[in-house]
Each structure stands twice: as structure tokens, then as C-alpha cells.
Amino acid sequence: MGTRPLANRRPPRAVGKSTERISEQHVAEPGLVVLDITGGDEDTVVAVMTALDGLWATSGIVPVRREPAEPGVRARMYADVLRPGRSQPTTRQNPSSCS
């Protein structure tokens, strides 16, 4: 197994740089965030996305990708941290206080 010719090598990537550019519309208002999640395995990344989906309004559980020659797996999700997520507790009235 030899090294690839220089013309076929990918340039080094900066730490934290994603393959997709962040669109201005995804951060145009207060509370909107783009979250790039990296973990050791798919189950871990899905667990993180599930927890975040419970806290905030998000783009949901998105496909996890593995990039060749890069450690771990990655996913990108979008969230609005000013809107509650799916598992926010609902307020219930105490039946004894209703008349």
C-alpha cells in the first residue's frame, strides 16, 4: 500500500471546518444555531441529537456521516434555542384546584 500521488491528495482541513458551508438563513435571527456534532460512533451522535431535540426546536435526527481518513462520525443539526423541544414538560392543572 503506497501513498497517493500528490495530485490526488486532499488538502489538510482546518480543525472544526465542516464540508458544508453555513447558510446565513440558519443564523439570521437570535436563538438560531448550527451544531456540528462529532462522536466516536453513530449511537453516541444519535443520542446527543435526541437529547438536543428534547431541549430545543431542531431540524430533527439527521443522517450521520463518516468521512474517510477522519476519526469518528459527524452530523449537523439546526436548532432554535428560544423554542422548546419535543420533551418539554407541559403544565397540568391540579384536578383538586379546578372548581
Protein backbone atom coordinates (compact mmCIF):
# COMPACT_ATOMS: atom_id res chain seq x y z
CA MET A 1 0.00 0.00 0.00
CA GLY A 2 1.71 3.19 -1.16
CA THR A 3 0.94 6.83 -0.74
CA ARG A 4 -1.34 8.53 -3.21
CA PRO A 5 0.21 10.83 -5.81
CA LEU A 6 0.36 14.45 -4.70
CA ALA A 7 -2.31 15.47 -7.24
CA ASN A 8 -4.79 13.02 -5.65
CA ARG A 9 -4.25 14.02 -2.03
CA ARG A 10 -6.83 16.10 -0.28
CA PRO A 11 -5.54 19.33 1.24
CA PRO A 12 -5.40 19.35 5.04
CA ARG A 13 -8.56 20.63 6.69
CA ALA A 14 -8.75 23.15 9.47
CA VAL A 15 -9.97 21.93 12.85
CA GLY A 16 -13.72 22.30 13.14
CA LYS A 17 -14.21 23.02 9.44
CA SER A 18 -17.29 21.35 8.01
CA THR A 19 -17.75 20.13 4.48
CA GLU A 20 -20.90 22.21 4.15
CA ARG A 21 -21.00 25.98 4.35
CA ILE A 22 -23.38 27.52 6.88
CA SER A 23 -26.16 29.43 5.19
CA GLU A 24 -26.93 32.91 6.53
CA GLN A 25 -30.60 31.97 6.92
CA HIS A 26 -29.67 29.38 9.56
CA VAL A 27 -28.24 32.04 11.88
CA ALA A 28 -30.19 35.11 10.77
CA GLU A 29 -32.20 35.55 13.99
CA PRO A 30 -31.42 35.45 17.71
CA GLY A 31 -31.64 31.90 19.03
CA LEU A 32 -30.79 30.12 15.76
CA VAL A 33 -27.69 27.91 15.90
CA VAL A 34 -25.89 25.37 13.72
CA LEU A 35 -24.50 22.41 15.66
CA ASP A 36 -21.75 20.22 14.21
CA ILE A 37 -21.59 17.06 16.32
CA THR A 38 -18.68 14.61 16.22
CA GLY A 39 -18.60 11.38 18.19
CA GLY A 40 -16.83 8.05 18.28
CA ASP A 41 -19.78 6.09 16.94
CA GLU A 42 -23.21 6.54 15.38
CA ASP A 43 -25.14 5.60 18.54
CA THR A 44 -23.41 8.34 20.53
CA VAL A 45 -24.10 11.04 17.93
CA VAL A 46 -27.76 9.96 17.62
CA ALA A 47 -28.11 10.04 21.43
CA VAL A 48 -26.77 13.61 21.51
CA MET A 49 -29.14 14.70 18.72
CA THR A 50 -32.06 13.06 20.53
CA ALA A 51 -31.24 14.90 23.75
CA LEU A 52 -30.90 18.24 21.95
CA ASP A 53 -34.18 17.61 20.11
CA GLY A 54 -35.82 17.28 23.53
CA LEU A 55 -34.43 20.62 24.71
CA TRP A 56 -34.95 22.84 21.68
CA ALA A 57 -36.79 23.00 18.37
CA THR A 58 -34.35 21.31 15.97
CA SER A 59 -34.09 20.01 12.45
CA GLY A 60 -34.55 16.54 13.95
CA ILE A 61 -32.38 13.46 13.87
CA VAL A 62 -30.29 13.74 10.71
CA PRO A 63 -28.17 11.12 8.93
CA VAL A 64 -24.74 10.51 10.45
CA ARG A 65 -21.77 10.54 8.08
CA ARG A 66 -18.30 9.06 8.25
CA GLU A 67 -15.55 10.80 6.30
CA PRO A 68 -12.62 8.75 5.02
CA ALA A 69 -9.37 9.28 6.92
CA GLU A 70 -11.20 11.29 9.62
CA PRO A 71 -11.84 9.91 13.12
CA GLY A 72 -15.39 9.39 14.36
CA VAL A 73 -18.73 10.16 12.77
CA ARG A 74 -20.38 13.52 12.21
CA ALA A 75 -23.79 15.12 11.94
CA ARG A 76 -25.04 18.67 11.55
CA MET A 77 -28.30 19.86 13.00
CA TYR A 78 -30.00 23.21 13.21
CA ALA A 79 -31.77 24.48 16.31
CA ASP A 80 -33.73 27.39 17.69
CA VAL A 81 -32.71 27.62 21.35
CA LEU A 82 -35.55 30.07 22.08
CA ARG A 83 -38.24 27.50 21.20
CA PRO A 84 -38.86 24.43 23.38
CA GLY A 85 -38.19 20.95 22.11
CA ARG A 86 -40.35 17.85 21.97
CA SER A 87 -39.94 16.73 25.58
CA GLN A 88 -40.54 19.98 27.43
CA PRO A 89 -42.86 19.30 30.35
CA THR A 90 -46.39 20.52 29.86
CA THR A 91 -48.10 22.34 32.69
CA ARG A 92 -51.06 20.44 34.05
CA GLN A 93 -53.60 21.83 36.41
CA ASN A 94 -54.12 20.02 39.65
CA PRO A 95 -57.65 18.49 39.44
CA SER A 96 -58.36 19.42 43.06
CA SER A 97 -57.78 23.11 42.29
CA CYS A 98 -60.38 23.19 39.49
CA SER A 99 -63.89 24.14 40.57
